[in-house]
C-alpha atoms as a PDB file:
ATOM      1  CA  GLN A   1      -0.002   0.015   0.003  1.00  0.00           C
ATOM      2  CA  VAL A   2       1.228   3.467  -0.885  1.00  0.00           C
ATOM      3  CA  GLN A   3       0.027   6.675   0.725  1.00  0.00           C
ATOM      4  CA  LEU A   4       0.207   9.891  -1.237  1.00  0.00           C
ATOM      5  CA  VAL A   5       0.188  13.092   0.785  1.00  0.00           C
ATOM      6  CA  GLU A   6      -0.389  16.369  -1.004  1.00  0.00           C
ATOM      7  CA  SER A   7       0.502  19.753   0.417  1.00  0.00           C
ATOM      8  CA  GLY A   8       1.106  23.306  -0.696  1.00  0.00           C
ATOM      9  CA  GLY A   9      -2.392  24.397  -1.543  1.00  0.00           C
ATOM     10  CA  GLY A  10      -3.814  27.677  -0.375  1.00  0.00           C
ATOM     11  CA  SER A  11      -5.371  30.955  -1.386  1.00  0.00           C
ATOM     12  CA  VAL A  12      -3.674  33.326  -3.772  1.00  0.00           C
ATOM     13  CA  GLN A  13      -4.600  36.245  -5.998  1.00  0.00           C
ATOM     14  CA  ALA A  14      -4.725  35.883  -9.749  1.00  0.00           C
ATOM     15  CA  GLY A  15      -1.262  36.095 -11.224  1.00  0.00           C
ATOM     16  CA  GLY A  16       0.309  34.543  -8.172  1.00  0.00           C
ATOM     17  CA  SER A  17       2.119  31.255  -7.691  1.00  0.00           C
ATOM     18  CA  LEU A  18       1.879  28.118  -5.606  1.00  0.00           C
ATOM     19  CA  ARG A  19       3.903  24.924  -5.455  1.00  0.00           C
ATOM     20  CA  LEU A  20       2.133  21.699  -4.691  1.00  0.00           C
ATOM     21  CA  SER A  21       3.936  18.649  -3.351  1.00  0.00           C
ATOM     22  CA  CYS A  22       2.965  14.995  -3.421  1.00  0.00           C
ATOM     23  CA  ALA A  23       4.999  12.668  -1.224  1.00  0.00           C
ATOM     24  CA  ALA A  24       4.737   8.921  -1.674  1.00  0.00           C
ATOM     25  CA  SER A  25       5.198   6.756   1.400  1.00  0.00           C
ATOM     26  CA  ALA A  26       6.971   3.810  -0.258  1.00  0.00           C
ATOM     27  CA  TYR A  27       8.560   2.265  -3.358  1.00  0.00           C
ATOM     28  CA  ARG A  28      10.966   5.120  -3.948  1.00  0.00           C
ATOM     29  CA  TYR A  29      12.890   3.358  -6.691  1.00  0.00           C
ATOM     30  CA  CYS A  30       9.966   1.984  -8.653  1.00  0.00           C
ATOM     31  CA  GLY A  31       8.986   3.257 -12.048  1.00  0.00           C
ATOM     32  CA  ARG A  32       5.694   5.080 -12.030  1.00  0.00           C
ATOM     33  CA  ASP A  33       3.571   7.710 -13.654  1.00  0.00           C
ATOM     34  CA  MET A  34       2.808  10.479 -11.199  1.00  0.00           C
ATOM     35  CA  SER A  35      -0.006  12.797 -12.161  1.00  0.00           C
ATOM     36  CA  TRP A  36      -1.935  15.771 -10.947  1.00  0.00           C
ATOM     37  CA  TYR A  37      -5.654  16.084 -11.464  1.00  0.00           C
ATOM     38  CA  ARG A  38      -8.078  18.720 -10.310  1.00  0.00           C
ATOM     39  CA  GLN A  39     -11.746  19.000  -9.606  1.00  0.00           C
ATOM     40  CA  ALA A  40     -13.691  22.206  -9.318  1.00  0.00           C
ATOM     41  CA  PRO A  41     -17.109  22.336  -7.632  1.00  0.00           C
ATOM     42  CA  GLY A  42     -19.783  20.948  -9.911  1.00  0.00           C
ATOM     43  CA  LYS A  43     -17.294  19.733 -12.476  1.00  0.00           C
ATOM     44  CA  GLU A  44     -15.639  16.467 -13.308  1.00  0.00           C
ATOM     45  CA  ARG A  45     -12.112  15.664 -12.285  1.00  0.00           C
ATOM     46  CA  GLU A  46      -9.686  16.664 -15.049  1.00  0.00           C
ATOM     47  CA  PHE A  47      -6.119  15.876 -15.943  1.00  0.00           C
ATOM     48  CA  VAL A  48      -3.532  18.582 -15.251  1.00  0.00           C
ATOM     49  CA  SER A  49      -0.073  17.074 -15.708  1.00  0.00           C
ATOM     50  CA  THR A  50       1.927  13.875 -15.531  1.00  0.00           C
ATOM     51  CA  ILE A  51       5.559  12.882 -15.110  1.00  0.00           C
ATOM     52  CA  GLU A  52       6.835   9.423 -16.039  1.00  0.00           C
ATOM     53  CA  GLY A  53      10.053   8.153 -14.506  1.00  0.00           C
ATOM     54  CA  ASP A  54      11.804   5.024 -13.313  1.00  0.00           C
ATOM     55  CA  GLY A  55      12.362   6.432  -9.838  1.00  0.00           C
ATOM     56  CA  ARG A  56      16.128   5.997 -10.141  1.00  0.00           C
ATOM     57  CA  SER A  57      17.364   8.345 -12.849  1.00  0.00           C
ATOM     58  CA  PRO A  58      16.670  12.006 -13.558  1.00  0.00           C
ATOM     59  CA  TYR A  59      15.243  11.204 -16.978  1.00  0.00           C
ATOM     60  CA  THR A  60      11.511  11.769 -17.214  1.00  0.00           C
ATOM     61  CA  ARG A  61       8.775  12.441 -19.673  1.00  0.00           C
ATOM     62  CA  THR A  62       6.153  15.059 -18.911  1.00  0.00           C
ATOM     63  CA  ASN A  63       2.778  16.026 -20.289  1.00  0.00           C
ATOM     64  CA  TYR A  64       0.387  18.894 -19.612  1.00  0.00           C
ATOM     65  CA  ALA A  65      -3.182  19.834 -20.229  1.00  0.00           C
ATOM     66  CA  GLU A  66      -3.493  22.602 -22.756  1.00  0.00           C
ATOM     67  CA  SER A  67      -5.035  24.903 -20.183  1.00  0.00           C
ATOM     68  CA  VAL A  68      -1.887  24.893 -18.010  1.00  0.00           C
ATOM     69  CA  LYS A  69       0.883  24.650 -20.619  1.00  0.00           C
ATOM     70  CA  GLY A  70       3.482  27.375 -20.138  1.00  0.00           C
ATOM     71  CA  ARG A  71       2.204  28.164 -16.638  1.00  0.00           C
ATOM     72  CA  PHE A  72       2.603  24.930 -14.675  1.00  0.00           C
ATOM     73  CA  THR A  73       5.755  22.790 -14.342  1.00  0.00           C
ATOM     74  CA  ILE A  74       5.830  19.254 -12.980  1.00  0.00           C
ATOM     75  CA  SER A  75       9.030  17.846 -11.523  1.00  0.00           C
ATOM     76  CA  GLN A  76      10.225  15.090  -9.245  1.00  0.00           C
ATOM     77  CA  ASP A  77      12.760  14.448  -6.492  1.00  0.00           C
ATOM     78  CA  ASN A  78      13.556  10.763  -6.461  1.00  0.00           C
ATOM     79  CA  ALA A  79      15.456  10.949  -3.183  1.00  0.00           C
ATOM     80  CA  ARG A  80      12.436  12.428  -1.450  1.00  0.00           C
ATOM     81  CA  ASN A  81       9.981  10.287  -3.422  1.00  0.00           C
ATOM     82  CA  THR A  82       8.085  13.490  -4.098  1.00  0.00           C
ATOM     83  CA  VAL A  83       6.522  15.132  -7.116  1.00  0.00           C
ATOM     84  CA  TYR A  84       5.966  18.854  -7.369  1.00  0.00           C
ATOM     85  CA  LEU A  85       3.660  21.059  -9.376  1.00  0.00           C
ATOM     86  CA  GLN A  86       4.891  24.613  -9.726  1.00  0.00           C
ATOM     87  CA  MET A  87       1.924  26.773 -10.671  1.00  0.00           C
ATOM     88  CA  ASN A  88       2.597  30.272 -11.957  1.00  0.00           C
ATOM     89  CA  SER A  89       0.358  32.947 -13.425  1.00  0.00           C
ATOM     90  CA  LEU A  90      -2.587  31.420 -11.644  1.00  0.00           C
ATOM     91  CA  LYS A  91      -6.056  32.224 -12.905  1.00  0.00           C
ATOM     92  CA  VAL A  92      -9.415  32.194 -11.165  1.00  0.00           C
ATOM     93  CA  GLU A  93     -10.355  29.172 -13.266  1.00  0.00           C
ATOM     94  CA  ASP A  94      -7.488  27.209 -11.688  1.00  0.00           C
ATOM     95  CA  THR A  95      -9.475  27.107  -8.457  1.00  0.00           C
ATOM     96  CA  ALA A  96     -10.045  23.446  -7.574  1.00  0.00           C
ATOM     97  CA  MET A  97      -9.103  20.576  -5.322  1.00  0.00           C
ATOM     98  CA  TYR A  98      -5.877  19.172  -6.685  1.00  0.00           C
ATOM     99  CA  TYR A  99      -5.207  15.457  -6.418  1.00  0.00           C
ATOM    100  CA  CYS A 100      -2.077  13.403  -6.908  1.00  0.00           C
ATOM    101  CA  LYS A 101      -2.189   9.985  -8.538  1.00  0.00           C
ATOM    102  CA  ALA A 102       0.485   7.316  -8.848  1.00  0.00           C
ATOM    103  CA  VAL A 103       0.388   4.373 -11.257  1.00  0.00           C
ATOM    104  CA  TYR A 104       3.274   1.932 -10.900  1.00  0.00           C
ATOM    105  CA  TRP A 105       4.991   0.195 -13.765  1.00  0.00           C
ATOM    106  CA  ASN A 106       5.204  -3.572 -14.058  1.00  0.00           C
ATOM    107  CA  GLU A 107       8.499  -4.203 -12.261  1.00  0.00           C
ATOM    108  CA  LEU A 108       9.685  -6.911  -9.898  1.00  0.00           C
ATOM    109  CA  GLY A 109       9.369  -5.853  -6.286  1.00  0.00           C
ATOM    110  CA  CYS A 110       7.046  -2.987  -7.100  1.00  0.00           C
ATOM    111  CA  PRO A 111       3.247  -2.710  -6.862  1.00  0.00           C
ATOM    112  CA  SER A 112       2.899  -3.461 -10.571  1.00  0.00           C
ATOM    113  CA  GLY A 113      -0.033  -1.724 -12.143  1.00  0.00           C
ATOM    114  CA  ALA A 114      -1.355  -0.431  -8.853  1.00  0.00           C
ATOM    115  CA  GLU A 115      -3.024   2.965  -8.765  1.00  0.00           C
ATOM    116  CA  TYR A 116      -3.127   5.256  -5.749  1.00  0.00           C
ATOM    117  CA  TRP A 117      -4.728   8.630  -5.076  1.00  0.00           C
ATOM    118  CA  GLY A 118      -4.054  11.267  -2.474  1.00  0.00           C
ATOM    119  CA  GLN A 119      -6.665  13.080  -0.442  1.00  0.00           C
ATOM    120  CA  GLY A 120      -6.230  16.368  -2.278  1.00  0.00           C
ATOM    121  CA  THR A 121      -5.153  19.903  -1.517  1.00  0.00           C
ATOM    122  CA  GLN A 122      -7.318  22.957  -2.157  1.00  0.00           C
ATOM    123  CA  VAL A 123      -6.184  25.769  -4.420  1.00  0.00           C
ATOM    124  CA  THR A 124      -8.240  28.960  -4.447  1.00  0.00           C
ATOM    125  CA  VAL A 125      -7.435  31.804  -6.806  1.00  0.00           C
ATOM    126  CA  SER A 126      -9.219  35.119  -6.330  1.00  0.00           C
ATOM    127  CA  SER A 127      -9.512  38.029  -8.733  1.00  0.00           C
END
């Protein structure tokens, strides 16, 4: 079992910045896709960004939703088993609960194919 703990949410004015963190409790050196999703009130959960890495090297592949490209940056710290989402130039429409998700690759000694979600961290952007 893996626990994902998000932090870094808060309230900020439009144009401001926040950095979200997602710390995984185990399997530091396992390959996985770590993603951020968000859900605004009354809306479906939507994809924000993902980072794919083997958990051992600095080489990763990233992807972003069109709505956040150029403003958000996803990164990882393998030693800390943590993924970050740097959010700049925040807009009111970025207001949502942000969730972290981990999906592990099929590797020996790792939770192959398992999917885990965090509890979420609230981001509120005011005009």
